[in-house]
Amino acid sequence: MRHRPIGHPLLKKKRITLESMVDYPIINLDASSMTGGAVVMRAFEAKGLTPNVVLHATDADVMKAYVAEGLGIGTIITSVYDPRRDRGIRAIPAEGLFALATTYIVLRAISTSVDRFFISSS
């Protein structure tokens, strides 16, 4: 899902492409984040494009705050966008632009013999 400030020129496009995104400052998640930054960068690299990454955010909430301030556009997973809560930004689906990222649920183990569980969604 691509996030843009309200009134952004990309909101007027019927279909967003990676090529259209490189014209704008991009806020990317840190490459070490599990949902992200590396997945976004690989998509641009696969098309021979160099995105204009101006900031790296440590998490989705930080990215959304930067986008709401008008510092750039961002790409995050659907589950962290809530149009009722995220009033300063708009989002549109980005199916097909980026590879699916494996997501993990990390739980505290009930047994003391196991510290963490990792459950893959893929």
PDB file of N, CA and C in Angstrom:
ATOM      1  N   MET A   1       0.841  -1.155   0.000  1.00  0.00           N
ATOM      2  CA  MET A   1       0.000   0.000   0.000  1.00  0.00           C
ATOM      3  C   MET A   1       0.900   1.235   0.000  1.00  0.00           C
ATOM      4  N   ARG A   2       0.667   2.144  -0.918  1.00  0.00           N
ATOM      5  CA  ARG A   2       1.435   3.376  -0.986  1.00  0.00           C
ATOM      6  C   ARG A   2       0.699   4.454  -0.207  1.00  0.00           C
ATOM      7  N   HIS A   3       1.442   5.224   0.534  1.00  0.00           N
ATOM      8  CA  HIS A   3       0.837   6.288   1.331  1.00  0.00           C
ATOM      9  C   HIS A   3       1.295   7.631   0.817  1.00  0.00           C
ATOM     10  N   ARG A   4       0.351   8.565   0.695  1.00  0.00           N
ATOM     11  CA  ARG A   4       0.659   9.893   0.211  1.00  0.00           C
ATOM     12  C   ARG A   4      -0.088  10.916   1.037  1.00  0.00           C
ATOM     13  N   PRO A   5       0.497  12.114   1.168  1.00  0.00           N
ATOM     14  CA  PRO A   5      -0.235  13.161   1.866  1.00  0.00           C
ATOM     15  C   PRO A   5      -1.505  13.523   1.096  1.00  0.00           C
ATOM     16  N   ILE A   6      -2.513  14.018   1.803  1.00  0.00           N
ATOM     17  CA  ILE A   6      -3.762  14.431   1.171  1.00  0.00           C
ATOM     18  C   ILE A   6      -3.463  15.511   0.139  1.00  0.00           C
ATOM     19  N   GLY A   7      -4.050  15.381  -1.059  1.00  0.00           N
ATOM     20  CA  GLY A   7      -3.861  16.363  -2.116  1.00  0.00           C
ATOM     21  C   GLY A   7      -2.631  16.113  -2.973  1.00  0.00           C
ATOM     22  N   HIS A   8      -1.941  15.027  -2.780  1.00  0.00           N
ATOM     23  CA  HIS A   8      -0.734  14.721  -3.543  1.00  0.00           C
ATOM     24  C   HIS A   8      -1.086  14.458  -5.007  1.00  0.00           C
ATOM     25  N   PRO A   9      -0.228  14.882  -5.970  1.00  0.00           N
ATOM     26  CA  PRO A   9      -0.504  14.650  -7.396  1.00  0.00           C
ATOM     27  C   PRO A   9      -0.711  13.172  -7.757  1.00  0.00           C
ATOM     28  N   LEU A  10      -0.089  12.249  -7.040  1.00  0.00           N
ATOM     29  CA  LEU A  10      -0.276  10.829  -7.355  1.00  0.00           C
ATOM     30  C   LEU A  10      -1.710  10.365  -7.103  1.00  0.00           C
ATOM     31  N   LEU A  11      -2.458  11.102  -6.295  1.00  0.00           N
ATOM     32  CA  LEU A  11      -3.853  10.733  -6.049  1.00  0.00           C
ATOM     33  C   LEU A  11      -4.706  10.882  -7.308  1.00  0.00           C
ATOM     34  N   LYS A  12      -4.239  11.652  -8.273  1.00  0.00           N
ATOM     35  CA  LYS A  12      -4.996  11.870  -9.511  1.00  0.00           C
ATOM     36  C   LYS A  12      -4.770  10.766 -10.540  1.00  0.00           C
ATOM     37  N   LYS A  13      -3.754   9.953 -10.329  1.00  0.00           N
ATOM     38  CA  LYS A  13      -3.449   8.878 -11.287  1.00  0.00           C
ATOM     39  C   LYS A  13      -4.366   7.689 -11.063  1.00  0.00           C
ATOM     40  N   LYS A  14      -4.794   7.076 -12.162  1.00  0.00           N
ATOM     41  CA  LYS A  14      -5.625   5.876 -12.052  1.00  0.00           C
ATOM     42  C   LYS A  14      -4.798   4.680 -11.626  1.00  0.00           C
ATOM     43  N   ARG A  15      -3.560   4.637 -12.100  1.00  0.00           N
ATOM     44  CA  ARG A  15      -2.680   3.510 -11.773  1.00  0.00           C
ATOM     45  C   ARG A  15      -1.297   4.064 -11.468  1.00  0.00           C
ATOM     46  N   ILE A  16      -0.783   3.687 -10.314  1.00  0.00           N
ATOM     47  CA  ILE A  16       0.554   4.109  -9.907  1.00  0.00           C
ATOM     48  C   ILE A  16       1.549   3.029 -10.326  1.00  0.00           C
ATOM     49  N   THR A  17       2.666   3.467 -10.846  1.00  0.00           N
ATOM     50  CA  THR A  17       3.742   2.549 -11.216  1.00  0.00           C
ATOM     51  C   THR A  17       4.992   2.925 -10.425  1.00  0.00           C
ATOM     52  N   LEU A  18       5.958   2.027 -10.414  1.00  0.00           N
ATOM     53  CA  LEU A  18       7.232   2.355  -9.777  1.00  0.00           C
ATOM     54  C   LEU A  18       7.874   3.534 -10.487  1.00  0.00           C
ATOM     55  N   GLU A  19       7.713   3.583 -11.797  1.00  0.00           N
ATOM     56  CA  GLU A  19       8.265   4.691 -12.580  1.00  0.00           C
ATOM     57  C   GLU A  19       7.674   6.034 -12.129  1.00  0.00           C
ATOM     58  N   SER A  20       6.389   6.060 -11.822  1.00  0.00           N
ATOM     59  CA  SER A  20       5.780   7.316 -11.373  1.00  0.00           C
ATOM     60  C   SER A  20       6.195   7.673  -9.945  1.00  0.00           C
ATOM     61  N   MET A  21       6.573   6.706  -9.166  1.00  0.00           N
ATOM     62  CA  MET A  21       6.979   6.967  -7.782  1.00  0.00           C
ATOM     63  C   MET A  21       8.369   7.603  -7.688  1.00  0.00           C
ATOM     64  N   VAL A  22       9.260   7.319  -8.645  1.00  0.00           N
ATOM     65  CA  VAL A  22      10.629   7.841  -8.545  1.00  0.00           C
ATOM     66  C   VAL A  22      10.694   9.359  -8.710  1.00  0.00           C
ATOM     67  N   ASP A  23       9.615   9.974  -9.167  1.00  0.00           N
ATOM     68  CA  ASP A  23       9.584  11.427  -9.322  1.00  0.00           C
ATOM     69  C   ASP A  23       9.377  12.161  -7.993  1.00  0.00           C
ATOM     70  N   TYR A  24       9.142  11.428  -6.918  1.00  0.00           N
ATOM     71  CA  TYR A  24       8.815  12.029  -5.629  1.00  0.00           C
ATOM     72  C   TYR A  24       9.758  11.536  -4.535  1.00  0.00           C
ATOM     73  N   PRO A  25       9.960  12.354  -3.493  1.00  0.00           N
ATOM     74  CA  PRO A  25      10.757  11.892  -2.356  1.00  0.00           C
ATOM     75  C   PRO A  25      10.064  10.688  -1.702  1.00  0.00           C
ATOM     76  N   ILE A  26      10.849   9.687  -1.360  1.00  0.00           N
ATOM     77  CA  ILE A  26      10.308   8.458  -0.772  1.00  0.00           C
ATOM     78  C   ILE A  26      10.861   8.272   0.632  1.00  0.00           C
ATOM     79  N   ILE A  27       9.957   7.910   1.529  1.00  0.00           N
ATOM     80  CA  ILE A  27      10.340   7.536   2.884  1.00  0.00           C
ATOM     81  C   ILE A  27      10.241   6.022   2.926  1.00  0.00           C
ATOM     82  N   ASN A  28      11.346   5.366   3.187  1.00  0.00           N
ATOM     83  CA  ASN A  28      11.393   3.912   3.165  1.00  0.00           C
ATOM     84  C   ASN A  28      11.599   3.384   4.578  1.00  0.00           C
ATOM     85  N   LEU A  29      11.071   2.214   4.835  1.00  0.00           N
ATOM     86  CA  LEU A  29      11.378   1.554   6.097  1.00  0.00           C
ATOM     87  C   LEU A  29      12.835   1.124   6.081  1.00  0.00           C
ATOM     88  N   ASP A  30      13.435   1.034   7.251  1.00  0.00           N
ATOM     89  CA  ASP A  30      14.803   0.533   7.330  1.00  0.00           C
ATOM     90  C   ASP A  30      14.895  -0.802   6.612  1.00  0.00           C
ATOM     91  N   ALA A  31      15.978  -1.026   5.923  1.00  0.00           N
ATOM     92  CA  ALA A  31      16.176  -2.271   5.172  1.00  0.00           C
ATOM     93  C   ALA A  31      16.125  -3.478   6.091  1.00  0.00           C
ATOM     94  N   SER A  32      16.390  -3.300   7.365  1.00  0.00           N
ATOM     95  CA  SER A  32      16.378  -4.424   8.301  1.00  0.00           C
ATOM     96  C   SER A  32      14.973  -4.763   8.792  1.00  0.00           C
ATOM     97  N   SER A  33      13.983  -3.902   8.478  1.00  0.00           N
ATOM     98  CA  SER A  33      12.632  -4.190   8.960  1.00  0.00           C
ATOM     99  C   SER A  33      12.069  -5.406   8.245  1.00  0.00           C
ATOM    100  N   MET A  34      11.299  -6.191   8.972  1.00  0.00           N
ATOM    101  CA  MET A  34      10.834  -7.456   8.416  1.00  0.00           C
ATOM    102  C   MET A  34       9.826  -7.272   7.290  1.00  0.00           C
ATOM    103  N   THR A  35       9.102  -6.189   7.244  1.00  0.00           N
ATOM    104  CA  THR A  35       8.102  -5.994   6.200  1.00  0.00           C
ATOM    105  C   THR A  35       8.585  -5.133   5.080  1.00  0.00           C
ATOM    106  N   GLY A  36       9.787  -4.661   5.237  1.00  0.00           N
ATOM    107  CA  GLY A  36      10.185  -3.874   4.344  1.00  0.00           C
ATOM    108  C   GLY A  36      10.962  -3.134   3.429  1.00  0.00           C
ATOM    109  N   GLY A  37      11.829  -2.358   3.977  1.00  0.00           N
ATOM    110  CA  GLY A  37      12.618  -1.492   3.126  1.00  0.00           C
ATOM    111  C   GLY A  37      13.349  -2.234   2.034  1.00  0.00           C
ATOM    112  N   ALA A  38      13.867  -3.402   2.353  1.00  0.00           N
ATOM    113  CA  ALA A  38      14.605  -4.190   1.358  1.00  0.00           C
ATOM    114  C   ALA A  38      13.685  -4.659   0.228  1.00  0.00           C
ATOM    115  N   VAL A  39      12.460  -5.020   0.559  1.00  0.00           N
ATOM    116  CA  VAL A  39      11.494  -5.467  -0.455  1.00  0.00           C
ATOM    117  C   VAL A  39      11.205  -4.329  -1.435  1.00  0.00           C
ATOM    118  N   VAL A  40      11.032  -3.130  -0.917  1.00  0.00           N
ATOM    119  CA  VAL A  40      10.757  -1.964  -1.750  1.00  0.00           C
ATOM    120  C   VAL A  40      11.952  -1.671  -2.655  1.00  0.00           C
ATOM    121  N   MET A  41      13.139  -1.662  -2.082  1.00  0.00           N
ATOM    122  CA  MET A  41      14.337  -1.362  -2.866  1.00  0.00           C
ATOM    123  C   MET A  41      14.566  -2.397  -3.969  1.00  0.00           C
ATOM    124  N   ARG A  42      14.329  -3.672  -3.671  1.00  0.00           N
ATOM    125  CA  ARG A  42      14.498  -4.723  -4.700  1.00  0.00           C
ATOM    126  C   ARG A  42      13.543  -4.523  -5.864  1.00  0.00           C
ATOM    127  N   ALA A  43      12.330  -4.066  -5.588  1.00  0.00           N
ATOM    128  CA  ALA A  43      11.354  -3.836  -6.668  1.00  0.00           C
ATOM    129  C   ALA A  43      11.860  -2.752  -7.616  1.00  0.00           C
ATOM    130  N   PHE A  44      12.378  -1.660  -7.068  1.00  0.00           N
ATOM    131  CA  PHE A  44      12.925  -0.601  -7.912  1.00  0.00           C
ATOM    132  C   PHE A  44      14.152  -1.092  -8.678  1.00  0.00           C
ATOM    133  N   GLU A  45      15.044  -1.782  -7.983  1.00  0.00           N
ATOM    134  CA  GLU A  45      16.266  -2.288  -8.624  1.00  0.00           C
ATOM    135  C   GLU A  45      15.949  -3.240  -9.766  1.00  0.00           C
ATOM    136  N   ALA A  46      14.930  -4.080  -9.604  1.00  0.00           N
ATOM    137  CA  ALA A  46      14.561  -5.041 -10.644  1.00  0.00           C
ATOM    138  C   ALA A  46      14.125  -4.343 -11.934  1.00  0.00           C
ATOM    139  N   LYS A  47      13.637  -3.126 -11.818  1.00  0.00           N
ATOM    140  CA  LYS A  47      13.224  -2.349 -13.001  1.00  0.00           C
ATOM    141  C   LYS A  47      14.288  -1.355 -13.437  1.00  0.00           C
ATOM    142  N   GLY A  48      15.444  -1.407 -12.791  1.00  0.00           N
ATOM    143  CA  GLY A  48      16.523  -0.486 -13.147  1.00  0.00           C
ATOM    144  C   GLY A  48      16.253   0.947 -12.724  1.00  0.00           C
ATOM    145  N   LEU A  49      15.457   1.124 -11.685  1.00  0.00           N
ATOM    146  CA  LEU A  49      15.082   2.456 -11.220  1.00  0.00           C
ATOM    147  C   LEU A  49      15.812   2.802  -9.930  1.00  0.00           C
ATOM    148  N   THR A  50      16.078   4.074  -9.742  1.00  0.00           N
ATOM    149  CA  THR A  50      16.699   4.550  -8.506  1.00  0.00           C
ATOM    150  C   THR A  50      15.703   5.460  -7.802  1.00  0.00           C
ATOM    151  N   PRO A  51      15.097   4.978  -6.713  1.00  0.00           N
ATOM    152  CA  PRO A  51      14.135   5.810  -6.000  1.00  0.00           C
ATOM    153  C   PRO A  51      14.832   6.942  -5.259  1.00  0.00           C
ATOM    154  N   ASN A  52      14.126   8.038  -5.065  1.00  0.00           N
ATOM    155  CA  ASN A  52      14.641   9.197  -4.349  1.00  0.00           C
ATOM    156  C   ASN A  52      14.315   9.044  -2.860  1.00  0.00           C
ATOM    157  N   VAL A  53      15.044   8.144  -2.192  1.00  0.00           N
ATOM    158  CA  VAL A  53      14.809   7.892  -0.766  1.00  0.00           C
ATOM    159  C   VAL A  53      15.431   9.036   0.028  1.00  0.00           C
ATOM    160  N   VAL A  54      14.579   9.780   0.729  1.00  0.00           N
ATOM    161  CA  VAL A  54      15.048  10.940   1.490  1.00  0.00           C
ATOM    162  C   VAL A  54      15.145  10.658   2.986  1.00  0.00           C
ATOM    163  N   LEU A  55      14.381   9.671   3.460  1.00  0.00           N
ATOM    164  CA  LEU A  55      14.395   9.306   4.872  1.00  0.00           C
ATOM    165  C   LEU A  55      14.171   7.818   5.031  1.00  0.00           C
ATOM    166  N   HIS A  56      14.693   7.278   6.121  1.00  0.00           N
ATOM    167  CA  HIS A  56      14.417   5.896   6.510  1.00  0.00           C
ATOM    168  C   HIS A  56      13.678   5.936   7.835  1.00  0.00           C
ATOM    169  N   ALA A  57      12.558   5.256   7.901  1.00  0.00           N
ATOM    170  CA  ALA A  57      11.756   5.210   9.118  1.00  0.00           C
ATOM    171  C   ALA A  57      11.982   3.898   9.846  1.00  0.00           C
ATOM    172  N   THR A  58      11.946   3.951  11.156  1.00  0.00           N
ATOM    173  CA  THR A  58      12.164   2.749  11.962  1.00  0.00           C
ATOM    174  C   THR A  58      10.934   1.865  12.029  1.00  0.00           C
ATOM    175  N   ASP A  59       9.762   2.445  11.822  1.00  0.00           N
ATOM    176  CA  ASP A  59       8.531   1.649  11.815  1.00  0.00           C
ATOM    177  C   ASP A  59       7.445   2.389  11.043  1.00  0.00           C
ATOM    178  N   ALA A  60       6.313   1.723  10.869  1.00  0.00           N
ATOM    179  CA  ALA A  60       5.232   2.275  10.053  1.00  0.00           C
ATOM    180  C   ALA A  60       4.645   3.551  10.644  1.00  0.00           C
ATOM    181  N   ASP A  61       4.535   3.642  11.957  1.00  0.00           N
ATOM    182  CA  ASP A  61       3.974   4.853  12.559  1.00  0.00           C
ATOM    183  C   ASP A  61       4.869   6.065  12.311  1.00  0.00           C
ATOM    184  N   VAL A  62       6.172   5.867  12.375  1.00  0.00           N
ATOM    185  CA  VAL A  62       7.107   6.952  12.078  1.00  0.00           C
ATOM    186  C   VAL A  62       6.969   7.355  10.614  1.00  0.00           C
ATOM    187  N   MET A  63       6.871   6.365   9.725  1.00  0.00           N
ATOM    188  CA  MET A  63       6.713   6.664   8.304  1.00  0.00           C
ATOM    189  C   MET A  63       5.439   7.458   8.055  1.00  0.00           C
ATOM    190  N   LYS A  64       4.348   7.046   8.655  1.00  0.00           N
ATOM    191  CA  LYS A  64       3.083   7.749   8.450  1.00  0.00           C
ATOM    192  C   LYS A  64       3.163   9.188   8.955  1.00  0.00           C
ATOM    193  N   ALA A  65       3.860   9.414  10.041  1.00  0.00           N
ATOM    194  CA  ALA A  65       4.029  10.778  10.559  1.00  0.00           C
ATOM    195  C   ALA A  65       4.827  11.625   9.572  1.00  0.00           C
ATOM    196  N   TYR A  66       5.891  11.054   9.001  1.00  0.00           N
ATOM    197  CA  TYR A  66       6.680  11.778   8.002  1.00  0.00           C
ATOM    198  C   TYR A  66       5.843  12.102   6.774  1.00  0.00           C
ATOM    199  N   VAL A  67       5.045  11.144   6.324  1.00  0.00           N
ATOM    200  CA  VAL A  67       4.184  11.373   5.157  1.00  0.00           C
ATOM    201  C   VAL A  67       3.164  12.465   5.468  1.00  0.00           C
ATOM    202  N   ALA A  68       2.559  12.414   6.642  1.00  0.00           N
ATOM    203  CA  ALA A  68       1.569  13.419   7.033  1.00  0.00           C
ATOM    204  C   ALA A  68       2.177  14.824   7.085  1.00  0.00           C
ATOM    205  N   GLU A  69       3.463  14.901   7.369  1.00  0.00           N
ATOM    206  CA  GLU A  69       4.165  16.191   7.394  1.00  0.00           C
ATOM    207  C   GLU A  69       4.554  16.670   5.991  1.00  0.00           C
ATOM    208  N   GLY A  70       4.321  15.816   4.980  1.00  0.00           N
ATOM    209  CA  GLY A  70       4.623  16.195   3.608  1.00  0.00           C
ATOM    210  C   GLY A  70       6.067  15.987   3.203  1.00  0.00           C
ATOM    211  N   LEU A  71       6.796  15.142   3.941  1.00  0.00           N
ATOM    212  CA  LEU A  71       8.211  14.924   3.651  1.00  0.00           C
ATOM    213  C   LEU A  71       8.450  13.932   2.515  1.00  0.00           C
ATOM    214  N   GLY A  72       7.413  13.213   2.108  1.00  0.00           N
ATOM    215  CA  GLY A  72       7.561  12.252   1.024  1.00  0.00           C
ATOM    216  C   GLY A  72       6.396  11.281   0.998  1.00  0.00           C
ATOM    217  N   ILE A  73       6.526  10.283   0.131  1.00  0.00           N
ATOM    218  CA  ILE A  73       5.533   9.207   0.045  1.00  0.00           C
ATOM    219  C   ILE A  73       6.156   7.959   0.657  1.00  0.00           C
ATOM    220  N   GLY A  74       5.329   7.019   1.079  1.00  0.00           N
ATOM    221  CA  GLY A  74       5.854   5.812   1.703  1.00  0.00           C
ATOM    222  C   GLY A  74       5.096   4.579   1.284  1.00  0.00           C
ATOM    223  N   THR A  75       5.685   3.441   1.560  1.00  0.00           N
ATOM    224  CA  THR A  75       5.078   2.154   1.239  1.00  0.00           C
ATOM    225  C   THR A  75       5.093   1.283   2.490  1.00  0.00           C
ATOM    226  N   ILE A  76       3.917   0.873   2.949  1.00  0.00           N
ATOM    227  CA  ILE A  76       3.814   0.010   4.122  1.00  0.00           C
ATOM    228  C   ILE A  76       2.740  -1.046   3.883  1.00  0.00           C
ATOM    229  N   ILE A  77       2.675  -2.017   4.770  1.00  0.00           N
ATOM    230  CA  ILE A  77       1.686  -3.077   4.620  1.00  0.00           C
ATOM    231  C   ILE A  77       0.289  -2.570   4.991  1.00  0.00           C
ATOM    232  N   THR A  78      -0.704  -3.183   4.405  1.00  0.00           N
ATOM    233  CA  THR A  78      -2.092  -2.772   4.555  1.00  0.00           C
ATOM    234  C   THR A  78      -2.560  -2.753   6.003  1.00  0.00           C
ATOM    235  N   SER A  79      -2.138  -3.716   6.787  1.00  0.00           N
ATOM    236  CA  SER A  79      -2.675  -3.862   8.142  1.00  0.00           C
ATOM    237  C   SER A  79      -2.336  -2.712   9.080  1.00  0.00           C
ATOM    238  N   VAL A  80      -1.394  -1.856   8.731  1.00  0.00           N
ATOM    239  CA  VAL A  80      -1.039  -0.750   9.626  1.00  0.00           C
ATOM    240  C   VAL A  80      -1.680   0.576   9.221  1.00  0.00           C
ATOM    241  N   TYR A  81      -2.515   0.570   8.190  1.00  0.00           N
ATOM    242  CA  TYR A  81      -3.214   1.786   7.771  1.00  0.00           C
ATOM    243  C   TYR A  81      -4.667   1.715   8.200  1.00  0.00           C
ATOM    244  N   ASP A  82      -5.106   2.731   8.929  1.00  0.00           N
ATOM    245  CA  ASP A  82      -6.495   2.839   9.368  1.00  0.00           C
ATOM    246  C   ASP A  82      -6.987   4.230   8.970  1.00  0.00           C
ATOM    247  N   PRO A  83      -7.857   4.330   7.967  1.00  0.00           N
ATOM    248  CA  PRO A  83      -8.282   5.649   7.482  1.00  0.00           C
ATOM    249  C   PRO A  83      -8.953   6.503   8.560  1.00  0.00           C
ATOM    250  N   ARG A  84      -9.535   5.883   9.571  1.00  0.00           N
ATOM    251  CA  ARG A  84     -10.153   6.659  10.647  1.00  0.00           C
ATOM    252  C   ARG A  84      -9.093   7.288  11.549  1.00  0.00           C
ATOM    253  N   ARG A  85      -8.020   6.580  11.771  1.00  0.00           N
ATOM    254  CA  ARG A  85      -6.958   7.076  12.651  1.00  0.00           C
ATOM    255  C   ARG A  85      -5.922   7.900  11.880  1.00  0.00           C
ATOM    256  N   ASP A  86      -5.617   7.473  10.664  1.00  0.00           N
ATOM    257  CA  ASP A  86      -4.568   8.100   9.854  1.00  0.00           C
ATOM    258  C   ASP A  86      -5.170   9.180   8.959  1.00  0.00           C
ATOM    259  N   ARG A  87      -5.667  10.236   9.572  1.00  0.00           N
ATOM    260  CA  ARG A  87      -6.413  11.269   8.843  1.00  0.00           C
ATOM    261  C   ARG A  87      -5.549  12.164   7.973  1.00  0.00           C
ATOM    262  N   GLY A  88      -4.281  12.263   8.242  1.00  0.00           N
ATOM    263  CA  GLY A  88      -3.433  13.162   7.471  1.00  0.00           C
ATOM    264  C   GLY A  88      -2.851  12.560   6.213  1.00  0.00           C
ATOM    265  N   ILE A  89      -3.190  11.310   5.930  1.00  0.00           N
ATOM    266  CA  ILE A  89      -2.644  10.638   4.753  1.00  0.00           C
ATOM    267  C   ILE A  89      -3.755   9.878   4.034  1.00  0.00           C
ATOM    268  N   ARG A  90      -3.472   9.503   2.811  1.00  0.00           N
ATOM    269  CA  ARG A  90      -4.370   8.658   2.019  1.00  0.00           C
ATOM    270  C   ARG A  90      -3.563   7.467   1.535  1.00  0.00           C
ATOM    271  N   ALA A  91      -4.248   6.367   1.275  1.00  0.00           N
ATOM    272  CA  ALA A  91      -3.573   5.160   0.798  1.00  0.00           C
ATOM    273  C   ALA A  91      -4.358   4.551  -0.354  1.00  0.00           C
ATOM    274  N   ILE A  92      -3.632   3.944  -1.269  1.00  0.00           N
ATOM    275  CA  ILE A  92      -4.260   3.180  -2.342  1.00  0.00           C
ATOM    276  C   ILE A  92      -3.534   1.839  -2.429  1.00  0.00           C
ATOM    277  N   PRO A  93      -4.226   0.800  -2.891  1.00  0.00           N
ATOM    278  CA  PRO A  93      -3.591  -0.517  -3.006  1.00  0.00           C
ATOM    279  C   PRO A  93      -2.407  -0.503  -3.965  1.00  0.00           C
ATOM    280  N   ALA A  94      -1.442  -1.364  -3.685  1.00  0.00           N
ATOM    281  CA  ALA A  94      -0.234  -1.444  -4.512  1.00  0.00           C
ATOM    282  C   ALA A  94       0.024  -2.885  -4.962  1.00  0.00           C
ATOM    283  N   GLU A  95      -1.044  -3.639  -5.172  1.00  0.00           N
ATOM    284  CA  GLU A  95      -0.882  -5.022  -5.591  1.00  0.00           C
ATOM    285  C   GLU A  95      -0.044  -5.110  -6.855  1.00  0.00           C
ATOM    286  N   GLY A  96       0.892  -6.028  -6.839  1.00  0.00           N
ATOM    287  CA  GLY A  96       1.710  -6.281  -8.008  1.00  0.00           C
ATOM    288  C   GLY A  96       2.974  -5.448  -8.122  1.00  0.00           C
ATOM    289  N   LEU A  97       3.100  -4.393  -7.335  1.00  0.00           N
ATOM    290  CA  LEU A  97       4.309  -3.572  -7.412  1.00  0.00           C
ATOM    291  C   LEU A  97       5.461  -4.156  -6.599  1.00  0.00           C
ATOM    292  N   PHE A  98       5.134  -4.801  -5.497  1.00  0.00           N
ATOM    293  CA  PHE A  98       6.161  -5.285  -4.578  1.00  0.00           C
ATOM    294  C   PHE A  98       5.934  -6.751  -4.267  1.00  0.00           C
ATOM    295  N   ALA A  99       7.037  -7.469  -4.039  1.00  0.00           N
ATOM    296  CA  ALA A  99       6.947  -8.881  -3.652  1.00  0.00           C
ATOM    297  C   ALA A  99       6.331  -8.968  -2.263  1.00  0.00           C
ATOM    298  N   LEU A 100       5.668 -10.062  -2.011  1.00  0.00           N
ATOM    299  CA  LEU A 100       5.115 -10.278  -0.676  1.00  0.00           C
ATOM    300  C   LEU A 100       6.247 -10.506   0.311  1.00  0.00           C
ATOM    301  N   ALA A 101       6.134  -9.913   1.461  1.00  0.00           N
ATOM    302  CA  ALA A 101       7.135 -10.088   2.510  1.00  0.00           C
ATOM    303  C   ALA A 101       6.613 -11.088   3.530  1.00  0.00           C
ATOM    304  N   THR A 102       7.476 -11.938   4.007  1.00  0.00           N
ATOM    305  CA  THR A 102       7.105 -12.878   5.051  1.00  0.00           C
ATOM    306  C   THR A 102       6.895 -12.110   6.345  1.00  0.00           C
ATOM    307  N   THR A 103       5.798 -12.402   7.014  1.00  0.00           N
ATOM    308  CA  THR A 103       5.482 -11.752   8.274  1.00  0.00           C
ATOM    309  C   THR A 103       5.527 -12.789   9.384  1.00  0.00           C
ATOM    310  N   TYR A 104       6.014 -12.387  10.520  1.00  0.00           N
ATOM    311  CA  TYR A 104       6.096 -13.281  11.669  1.00  0.00           C
ATOM    312  C   TYR A 104       5.289 -12.727  12.825  1.00  0.00           C
ATOM    313  N   ILE A 105       4.711 -13.641  13.582  1.00  0.00           N
ATOM    314  CA  ILE A 105       4.096 -13.292  14.858  1.00  0.00           C
ATOM    315  C   ILE A 105       5.044 -13.805  15.920  1.00  0.00           C
ATOM    316  N   VAL A 106       5.463 -12.932  16.802  1.00  0.00           N
ATOM    317  CA  VAL A 106       6.402 -13.325  17.849  1.00  0.00           C
ATOM    318  C   VAL A 106       5.630 -13.341  19.159  1.00  0.00           C
ATOM    319  N   LEU A 107       5.663 -14.492  19.836  1.00  0.00           N
ATOM    320  CA  LEU A 107       4.911 -14.676  21.072  1.00  0.00           C
ATOM    321  C   LEU A 107       5.840 -15.059  22.211  1.00  0.00           C
ATOM    322  N   ARG A 108       5.457 -14.678  23.403  1.00  0.00           N
ATOM    323  CA  ARG A 108       6.204 -15.145  24.565  1.00  0.00           C
ATOM    324  C   ARG A 108       5.795 -16.587  24.802  1.00  0.00           C
ATOM    325  N   ALA A 109       6.765 -17.433  24.972  1.00  0.00           N
ATOM    326  CA  ALA A 109       6.491 -18.856  25.166  1.00  0.00           C
ATOM    327  C   ALA A 109       5.864 -19.097  26.532  1.00  0.00           C
ATOM    328  N   ILE A 110       4.935 -20.036  26.572  1.00  0.00           N
ATOM    329  CA  ILE A 110       4.327 -20.419  27.848  1.00  0.00           C
ATOM    330  C   ILE A 110       5.324 -21.248  28.656  1.00  0.00           C
ATOM    331  N   SER A 111       6.010 -22.121  27.978  1.00  0.00           N
ATOM    332  CA  SER A 111       7.011 -22.968  28.625  1.00  0.00           C
ATOM    333  C   SER A 111       8.301 -22.175  28.806  1.00  0.00           C
ATOM    334  N   THR A 112       8.991 -22.386  29.889  1.00  0.00           N
ATOM    335  CA  THR A 112      10.263 -21.705  30.112  1.00  0.00           C
ATOM    336  C   THR A 112      11.372 -22.299  29.267  1.00  0.00           C
ATOM    337  N   SER A 113      11.126 -23.436  28.641  1.00  0.00           N
ATOM    338  CA  SER A 113      12.166 -24.065  27.828  1.00  0.00           C
ATOM    339  C   SER A 113      12.262 -23.458  26.426  1.00  0.00           C
ATOM    340  N   VAL A 114      11.260 -22.699  26.043  1.00  0.00           N
ATOM    341  CA  VAL A 114      11.260 -22.081  24.722  1.00  0.00           C
ATOM    342  C   VAL A 114      11.038 -20.581  24.907  1.00  0.00           C
ATOM    343  N   ASP A 115      11.895 -19.761  24.322  1.00  0.00           N
ATOM    344  CA  ASP A 115      11.809 -18.320  24.504  1.00  0.00           C
ATOM    345  C   ASP A 115      10.840 -17.632  23.563  1.00  0.00           C
ATOM    346  N   ARG A 116      10.827 -18.057  22.287  1.00  0.00           N
ATOM    347  CA  ARG A 116       9.980 -17.372  21.294  1.00  0.00           C
ATOM    348  C   ARG A 116       9.473 -18.366  20.264  1.00  0.00           C
ATOM    349  N   PHE A 117       8.311 -18.043  19.717  1.00  0.00           N
ATOM    350  CA  PHE A 117       7.780 -18.786  18.584  1.00  0.00           C
ATOM    351  C   PHE A 117       7.820 -17.873  17.378  1.00  0.00           C
ATOM    352  N   PHE A 118       8.142 -18.402  16.223  1.00  0.00           N
ATOM    353  CA  PHE A 118       8.077 -17.654  14.979  1.00  0.00           C
ATOM    354  C   PHE A 118       7.118 -18.400  14.065  1.00  0.00           C
ATOM    355  N   ILE A 119       6.052 -17.727  13.674  1.00  0.00           N
ATOM    356  CA  ILE A 119       5.049 -18.340  12.820  1.00  0.00           C
ATOM    357  C   ILE A 119       5.086 -17.614  11.490  1.00  0.00           C
ATOM    358  N   SER A 120       5.418 -18.314  10.441  1.00  0.00           N
ATOM    359  CA  SER A 120       5.514 -17.697   9.128  1.00  0.00           C
ATOM    360  C   SER A 120       4.150 -17.647   8.464  1.00  0.00           C
ATOM    361  N   SER A 121       3.871 -16.537   7.801  1.00  0.00           N
ATOM    362  CA  SER A 121       2.592 -16.406   7.100  1.00  0.00           C
ATOM    363  C   SER A 121       2.701 -16.892   5.653  1.00  0.00           C
ATOM    364  N   SER A 122       3.886 -17.287   5.230  1.00  0.00           N
ATOM    365  CA  SER A 122       4.001 -17.746   3.838  1.00  0.00           C
ATOM    366  C   SER A 122       4.335 -19.214   3.778  1.00  0.00           C
TER     367      SER A 122
END
